[in-house]
Amino acid sequence: EDGTNWGGHHFEIYGDGELIATYDLKVADLPANVDLQIENITKLEVVFSGQIDNGVMNFANVIIK
């Protein structure tokens, strides 16, 4: 599977239950930095929707400071 028939992906990031960012991704998109202010947030949640292959979306080199 080369991914050429995948649809778009959408994900939302919530901090303590409040929406703080949304992103729409397409197969041809290049990697991008996501820089969020999460100071004083105790619960970080990422919610995915769209045509995700086998229910998996991979993140590389995630750093949370």
PDB file of N, CA and C in Angstrom:
ATOM      1  N   GLU A   1       0.850  -1.186   0.000  1.00  0.00           N
ATOM      2  CA  GLU A   1       0.000   0.000   0.000  1.00  0.00           C
ATOM      3  C   GLU A   1       0.887   1.237   0.000  1.00  0.00           C
ATOM      4  N   ASP A   2       0.766   2.070  -1.018  1.00  0.00           N
ATOM      5  CA  ASP A   2       1.599   3.270  -1.105  1.00  0.00           C
ATOM      6  C   ASP A   2       0.914   4.522  -0.577  1.00  0.00           C
ATOM      7  N   GLY A   3      -0.322   4.416  -0.131  1.00  0.00           N
ATOM      8  CA  GLY A   3      -1.020   5.542   0.465  1.00  0.00           C
ATOM      9  C   GLY A   3      -1.666   6.488  -0.518  1.00  0.00           C
ATOM     10  N   THR A   4      -1.573   6.205  -1.819  1.00  0.00           N
ATOM     11  CA  THR A   4      -2.110   7.144  -2.802  1.00  0.00           C
ATOM     12  C   THR A   4      -3.627   7.201  -2.794  1.00  0.00           C
ATOM     13  N   ASN A   5      -4.292   6.204  -2.226  1.00  0.00           N
ATOM     14  CA  ASN A   5      -5.755   6.241  -2.188  1.00  0.00           C
ATOM     15  C   ASN A   5      -6.293   6.683  -0.828  1.00  0.00           C
ATOM     16  N   TRP A   6      -5.433   7.136   0.060  1.00  0.00           N
ATOM     17  CA  TRP A   6      -5.879   7.609   1.363  1.00  0.00           C
ATOM     18  C   TRP A   6      -6.561   8.957   1.216  1.00  0.00           C
ATOM     19  N   GLY A   7      -7.526   9.199   2.047  1.00  0.00           N
ATOM     20  CA  GLY A   7      -8.174  10.507   2.071  1.00  0.00           C
ATOM     21  C   GLY A   7      -7.449  11.422   3.040  1.00  0.00           C
ATOM     22  N   GLY A   8      -8.097  12.515   3.376  1.00  0.00           N
ATOM     23  CA  GLY A   8      -7.494  13.453   4.304  1.00  0.00           C
ATOM     24  C   GLY A   8      -7.644  13.011   5.747  1.00  0.00           C
ATOM     25  N   HIS A   9      -6.840  13.597   6.589  1.00  0.00           N
ATOM     26  CA  HIS A   9      -6.886  13.355   8.025  1.00  0.00           C
ATOM     27  C   HIS A   9      -7.144  14.691   8.713  1.00  0.00           C
ATOM     28  N   HIS A  10      -7.889  14.643   9.778  1.00  0.00           N
ATOM     29  CA  HIS A  10      -8.155  15.840  10.571  1.00  0.00           C
ATOM     30  C   HIS A  10      -7.856  15.484  12.017  1.00  0.00           C
ATOM     31  N   PHE A  11      -7.148  16.356  12.709  1.00  0.00           N
ATOM     32  CA  PHE A  11      -7.002  16.111  14.136  1.00  0.00           C
ATOM     33  C   PHE A  11      -7.142  17.397  14.920  1.00  0.00           C
ATOM     34  N   GLU A  12      -7.636  17.212  16.124  1.00  0.00           N
ATOM     35  CA  GLU A  12      -7.882  18.312  17.048  1.00  0.00           C
ATOM     36  C   GLU A  12      -7.106  18.046  18.323  1.00  0.00           C
ATOM     37  N   ILE A  13      -6.577  19.101  18.901  1.00  0.00           N
ATOM     38  CA  ILE A  13      -5.836  18.982  20.149  1.00  0.00           C
ATOM     39  C   ILE A  13      -6.588  19.759  21.220  1.00  0.00           C
ATOM     40  N   TYR A  14      -6.844  19.078  22.325  1.00  0.00           N
ATOM     41  CA  TYR A  14      -7.565  19.660  23.454  1.00  0.00           C
ATOM     42  C   TYR A  14      -6.635  19.735  24.657  1.00  0.00           C
ATOM     43  N   GLY A  15      -6.730  20.813  25.384  1.00  0.00           N
ATOM     44  CA  GLY A  15      -6.022  20.966  26.649  1.00  0.00           C
ATOM     45  C   GLY A  15      -7.037  21.148  27.752  1.00  0.00           C
ATOM     46  N   ASP A  16      -7.070  20.215  28.685  1.00  0.00           N
ATOM     47  CA  ASP A  16      -8.054  20.240  29.777  1.00  0.00           C
ATOM     48  C   ASP A  16      -9.478  20.382  29.250  1.00  0.00           C
ATOM     49  N   GLY A  17      -9.780  19.675  28.152  1.00  0.00           N
ATOM     50  CA  GLY A  17     -11.121  19.651  27.588  1.00  0.00           C
ATOM     51  C   GLY A  17     -11.459  20.818  26.672  1.00  0.00           C
ATOM     52  N   GLU A  18     -10.533  21.756  26.494  1.00  0.00           N
ATOM     53  CA  GLU A  18     -10.780  22.937  25.659  1.00  0.00           C
ATOM     54  C   GLU A  18      -9.976  22.823  24.358  1.00  0.00           C
ATOM     55  N   LEU A  19     -10.636  23.046  23.228  1.00  0.00           N
ATOM     56  CA  LEU A  19      -9.973  22.961  21.931  1.00  0.00           C
ATOM     57  C   LEU A  19      -8.904  24.040  21.826  1.00  0.00           C
ATOM     58  N   ILE A  20      -7.648  23.623  21.539  1.00  0.00           N
ATOM     59  CA  ILE A  20      -6.567  24.606  21.417  1.00  0.00           C
ATOM     60  C   ILE A  20      -5.956  24.640  20.022  1.00  0.00           C
ATOM     61  N   ALA A  21      -6.211  23.615  19.180  1.00  0.00           N
ATOM     62  CA  ALA A  21      -5.671  23.630  17.814  1.00  0.00           C
ATOM     63  C   ALA A  21      -6.366  22.583  16.957  1.00  0.00           C
ATOM     64  N   THR A  22      -6.446  22.856  15.652  1.00  0.00           N
ATOM     65  CA  THR A  22      -6.947  21.873  14.691  1.00  0.00           C
ATOM     66  C   THR A  22      -6.020  21.859  13.484  1.00  0.00           C
ATOM     67  N   TYR A  23      -5.908  20.696  12.859  1.00  0.00           N
ATOM     68  CA  TYR A  23      -5.043  20.533  11.693  1.00  0.00           C
ATOM     69  C   TYR A  23      -5.714  19.609  10.694  1.00  0.00           C
ATOM     70  N   ASP A  24      -5.576  19.940   9.413  1.00  0.00           N
ATOM     71  CA  ASP A  24      -6.027  19.082   8.323  1.00  0.00           C
ATOM     72  C   ASP A  24      -4.801  18.665   7.529  1.00  0.00           C
ATOM     73  N   LEU A  25      -4.664  17.366   7.309  1.00  0.00           N
ATOM     74  CA  LEU A  25      -3.499  16.827   6.614  1.00  0.00           C
ATOM     75  C   LEU A  25      -3.922  16.063   5.376  1.00  0.00           C
ATOM     76  N   LYS A  26      -3.101  16.156   4.342  1.00  0.00           N
ATOM     77  CA  LYS A  26      -3.313  15.386   3.120  1.00  0.00           C
ATOM     78  C   LYS A  26      -2.100  14.497   2.893  1.00  0.00           C
ATOM     79  N   VAL A  27      -2.252  13.469   2.078  1.00  0.00           N
ATOM     80  CA  VAL A  27      -1.181  12.505   1.841  1.00  0.00           C
ATOM     81  C   VAL A  27       0.107  13.190   1.396  1.00  0.00           C
ATOM     82  N   ALA A  28       0.033  14.155   0.519  1.00  0.00           N
ATOM     83  CA  ALA A  28       1.227  14.783  -0.044  1.00  0.00           C
ATOM     84  C   ALA A  28       1.847  15.850   0.859  1.00  0.00           C
ATOM     85  N   ASP A  29       1.230  16.156   1.994  1.00  0.00           N
ATOM     86  CA  ASP A  29       1.769  17.189   2.879  1.00  0.00           C
ATOM     87  C   ASP A  29       3.118  16.768   3.453  1.00  0.00           C
ATOM     88  N   LEU A  30       4.018  17.727   3.550  1.00  0.00           N
ATOM     89  CA  LEU A  30       5.316  17.490   4.172  1.00  0.00           C
ATOM     90  C   LEU A  30       5.176  17.576   5.691  1.00  0.00           C
ATOM     91  N   PRO A  31       6.123  17.000   6.428  1.00  0.00           N
ATOM     92  CA  PRO A  31       6.079  17.119   7.889  1.00  0.00           C
ATOM     93  C   PRO A  31       6.067  18.593   8.304  1.00  0.00           C
ATOM     94  N   ALA A  32       5.402  18.871   9.394  1.00  0.00           N
ATOM     95  CA  ALA A  32       5.310  20.247   9.878  1.00  0.00           C
ATOM     96  C   ALA A  32       5.468  20.277  11.391  1.00  0.00           C
ATOM     97  N   ASN A  33       6.024  21.362  11.876  1.00  0.00           N
ATOM     98  CA  ASN A  33       6.126  21.551  13.319  1.00  0.00           C
ATOM     99  C   ASN A  33       4.779  21.986  13.876  1.00  0.00           C
ATOM    100  N   VAL A  34       4.461  21.484  15.045  1.00  0.00           N
ATOM    101  CA  VAL A  34       3.268  21.905  15.775  1.00  0.00           C
ATOM    102  C   VAL A  34       3.774  22.481  17.089  1.00  0.00           C
ATOM    103  N   ASP A  35       3.606  23.767  17.269  1.00  0.00           N
ATOM    104  CA  ASP A  35       4.100  24.445  18.463  1.00  0.00           C
ATOM    105  C   ASP A  35       2.906  24.981  19.238  1.00  0.00           C
ATOM    106  N   LEU A  36       2.652  24.407  20.398  1.00  0.00           N
ATOM    107  CA  LEU A  36       1.488  24.781  21.206  1.00  0.00           C
ATOM    108  C   LEU A  36       1.924  25.275  22.572  1.00  0.00           C
ATOM    109  N   GLN A  37       1.183  26.216  23.103  1.00  0.00           N
ATOM    110  CA  GLN A  37       1.399  26.665  24.474  1.00  0.00           C
ATOM    111  C   GLN A  37       0.562  25.767  25.388  1.00  0.00           C
ATOM    112  N   ILE A  38       1.224  24.887  26.122  1.00  0.00           N
ATOM    113  CA  ILE A  38       0.494  23.952  26.983  1.00  0.00           C
ATOM    114  C   ILE A  38       0.864  24.123  28.457  1.00  0.00           C
ATOM    115  N   GLU A  39       1.442  25.262  28.765  1.00  0.00           N
ATOM    116  CA  GLU A  39       1.783  25.548  30.156  1.00  0.00           C
ATOM    117  C   GLU A  39       0.513  25.541  31.006  1.00  0.00           C
ATOM    118  N   ASN A  40       0.579  24.903  32.141  1.00  0.00           N
ATOM    119  CA  ASN A  40      -0.532  24.786  33.104  1.00  0.00           C
ATOM    120  C   ASN A  40      -1.660  23.870  32.635  1.00  0.00           C
ATOM    121  N   ILE A  41      -1.484  23.159  31.530  1.00  0.00           N
ATOM    122  CA  ILE A  41      -2.476  22.174  31.088  1.00  0.00           C
ATOM    123  C   ILE A  41      -2.112  20.835  31.713  1.00  0.00           C
ATOM    124  N   THR A  42      -3.083  20.175  32.337  1.00  0.00           N
ATOM    125  CA  THR A  42      -2.806  18.899  32.991  1.00  0.00           C
ATOM    126  C   THR A  42      -3.203  17.697  32.144  1.00  0.00           C
ATOM    127  N   LYS A  43      -4.136  17.878  31.196  1.00  0.00           N
ATOM    128  CA  LYS A  43      -4.559  16.767  30.340  1.00  0.00           C
ATOM    129  C   LYS A  43      -4.522  17.223  28.880  1.00  0.00           C
ATOM    130  N   LEU A  44      -3.702  16.554  28.074  1.00  0.00           N
ATOM    131  CA  LEU A  44      -3.583  16.847  26.651  1.00  0.00           C
ATOM    132  C   LEU A  44      -4.201  15.692  25.878  1.00  0.00           C
ATOM    133  N   GLU A  45      -5.136  16.000  24.981  1.00  0.00           N
ATOM    134  CA  GLU A  45      -5.858  14.968  24.235  1.00  0.00           C
ATOM    135  C   GLU A  45      -5.789  15.289  22.746  1.00  0.00           C
ATOM    136  N   VAL A  46      -5.475  14.269  21.922  1.00  0.00           N
ATOM    137  CA  VAL A  46      -5.441  14.412  20.469  1.00  0.00           C
ATOM    138  C   VAL A  46      -6.525  13.514  19.893  1.00  0.00           C
ATOM    139  N   VAL A  47      -7.448  14.097  19.107  1.00  0.00           N
ATOM    140  CA  VAL A  47      -8.584  13.373  18.540  1.00  0.00           C
ATOM    141  C   VAL A  47      -8.443  13.377  17.021  1.00  0.00           C
ATOM    142  N   PHE A  48      -8.493  12.175  16.416  1.00  0.00           N
ATOM    143  CA  PHE A  48      -8.322  12.022  14.976  1.00  0.00           C
ATOM    144  C   PHE A  48      -9.639  11.682  14.305  1.00  0.00           C
ATOM    145  N   SER A  49      -9.791  12.135  13.060  1.00  0.00           N
ATOM    146  CA  SER A  49     -10.917  11.720  12.234  1.00  0.00           C
ATOM    147  C   SER A  49     -10.465  11.734  10.779  1.00  0.00           C
ATOM    148  N   GLY A  50     -11.244  11.116   9.926  1.00  0.00           N
ATOM    149  CA  GLY A  50     -10.889  11.031   8.512  1.00  0.00           C
ATOM    150  C   GLY A  50     -10.521   9.612   8.144  1.00  0.00           C
ATOM    151  N   GLN A  51      -9.926   9.458   6.987  1.00  0.00           N
ATOM    152  CA  GLN A  51      -9.570   8.129   6.487  1.00  0.00           C
ATOM    153  C   GLN A  51      -8.178   7.744   6.961  1.00  0.00           C
ATOM    154  N   ILE A  52      -8.103   7.325   8.191  1.00  0.00           N
ATOM    155  CA  ILE A  52      -6.828   6.946   8.790  1.00  0.00           C
ATOM    156  C   ILE A  52      -6.603   5.463   8.558  1.00  0.00           C
ATOM    157  N   ASP A  53      -5.448   5.100   8.018  1.00  0.00           N
ATOM    158  CA  ASP A  53      -5.133   3.713   7.714  1.00  0.00           C
ATOM    159  C   ASP A  53      -5.056   2.887   8.989  1.00  0.00           C
ATOM    160  N   ASN A  54      -5.924   1.902   9.114  1.00  0.00           N
ATOM    161  CA  ASN A  54      -5.944   0.997  10.267  1.00  0.00           C
ATOM    162  C   ASN A  54      -6.067   1.731  11.602  1.00  0.00           C
ATOM    163  N   GLY A  55      -6.617   2.930  11.593  1.00  0.00           N
ATOM    164  CA  GLY A  55      -6.797   3.667  12.838  1.00  0.00           C
ATOM    165  C   GLY A  55      -5.515   4.181  13.451  1.00  0.00           C
ATOM    166  N   VAL A  56      -4.448   4.304  12.647  1.00  0.00           N
ATOM    167  CA  VAL A  56      -3.144   4.708  13.169  1.00  0.00           C
ATOM    168  C   VAL A  56      -2.661   5.978  12.477  1.00  0.00           C
ATOM    169  N   MET A  57      -2.177   6.920  13.256  1.00  0.00           N
ATOM    170  CA  MET A  57      -1.483   8.083  12.709  1.00  0.00           C
ATOM    171  C   MET A  57      -0.170   8.178  13.463  1.00  0.00           C
ATOM    172  N   ASN A  58       0.928   8.288  12.747  1.00  0.00           N
ATOM    173  CA  ASN A  58       2.248   8.299  13.364  1.00  0.00           C
ATOM    174  C   ASN A  58       2.777   9.715  13.527  1.00  0.00           C
ATOM    175  N   PHE A  59       3.401   9.953  14.659  1.00  0.00           N
ATOM    176  CA  PHE A  59       4.095  11.206  14.913  1.00  0.00           C
ATOM    177  C   PHE A  59       5.563  10.867  15.123  1.00  0.00           C
ATOM    178  N   ALA A  60       6.449  11.676  14.556  1.00  0.00           N
ATOM    179  CA  ALA A  60       7.883  11.429  14.710  1.00  0.00           C
ATOM    180  C   ALA A  60       8.508  12.554  15.525  1.00  0.00           C
ATOM    181  N   ASN A  61       9.471  12.194  16.334  1.00  0.00           N
ATOM    182  CA  ASN A  61      10.257  13.172  17.085  1.00  0.00           C
ATOM    183  C   ASN A  61       9.401  14.105  17.938  1.00  0.00           C
ATOM    184  N   VAL A  62       8.426  13.564  18.636  1.00  0.00           N
ATOM    185  CA  VAL A  62       7.572  14.377  19.503  1.00  0.00           C
ATOM    186  C   VAL A  62       8.364  14.795  20.740  1.00  0.00           C
ATOM    187  N   ILE A  63       8.347  16.090  21.010  1.00  0.00           N
ATOM    188  CA  ILE A  63       9.012  16.632  22.197  1.00  0.00           C
ATOM    189  C   ILE A  63       7.996  17.478  22.949  1.00  0.00           C
ATOM    190  N   ILE A  64       7.773  17.159  24.206  1.00  0.00           N
ATOM    191  CA  ILE A  64       6.891  17.962  25.053  1.00  0.00           C
ATOM    192  C   ILE A  64       7.744  18.532  26.171  1.00  0.00           C
ATOM    193  N   LYS A  65       7.806  19.846  26.238  1.00  0.00           N
ATOM    194  CA  LYS A  65       8.636  20.514  27.254  1.00  0.00           C
ATOM    195  C   LYS A  65       7.762  21.173  28.287  1.00  0.00           C
TER     196      LYS A  65
END
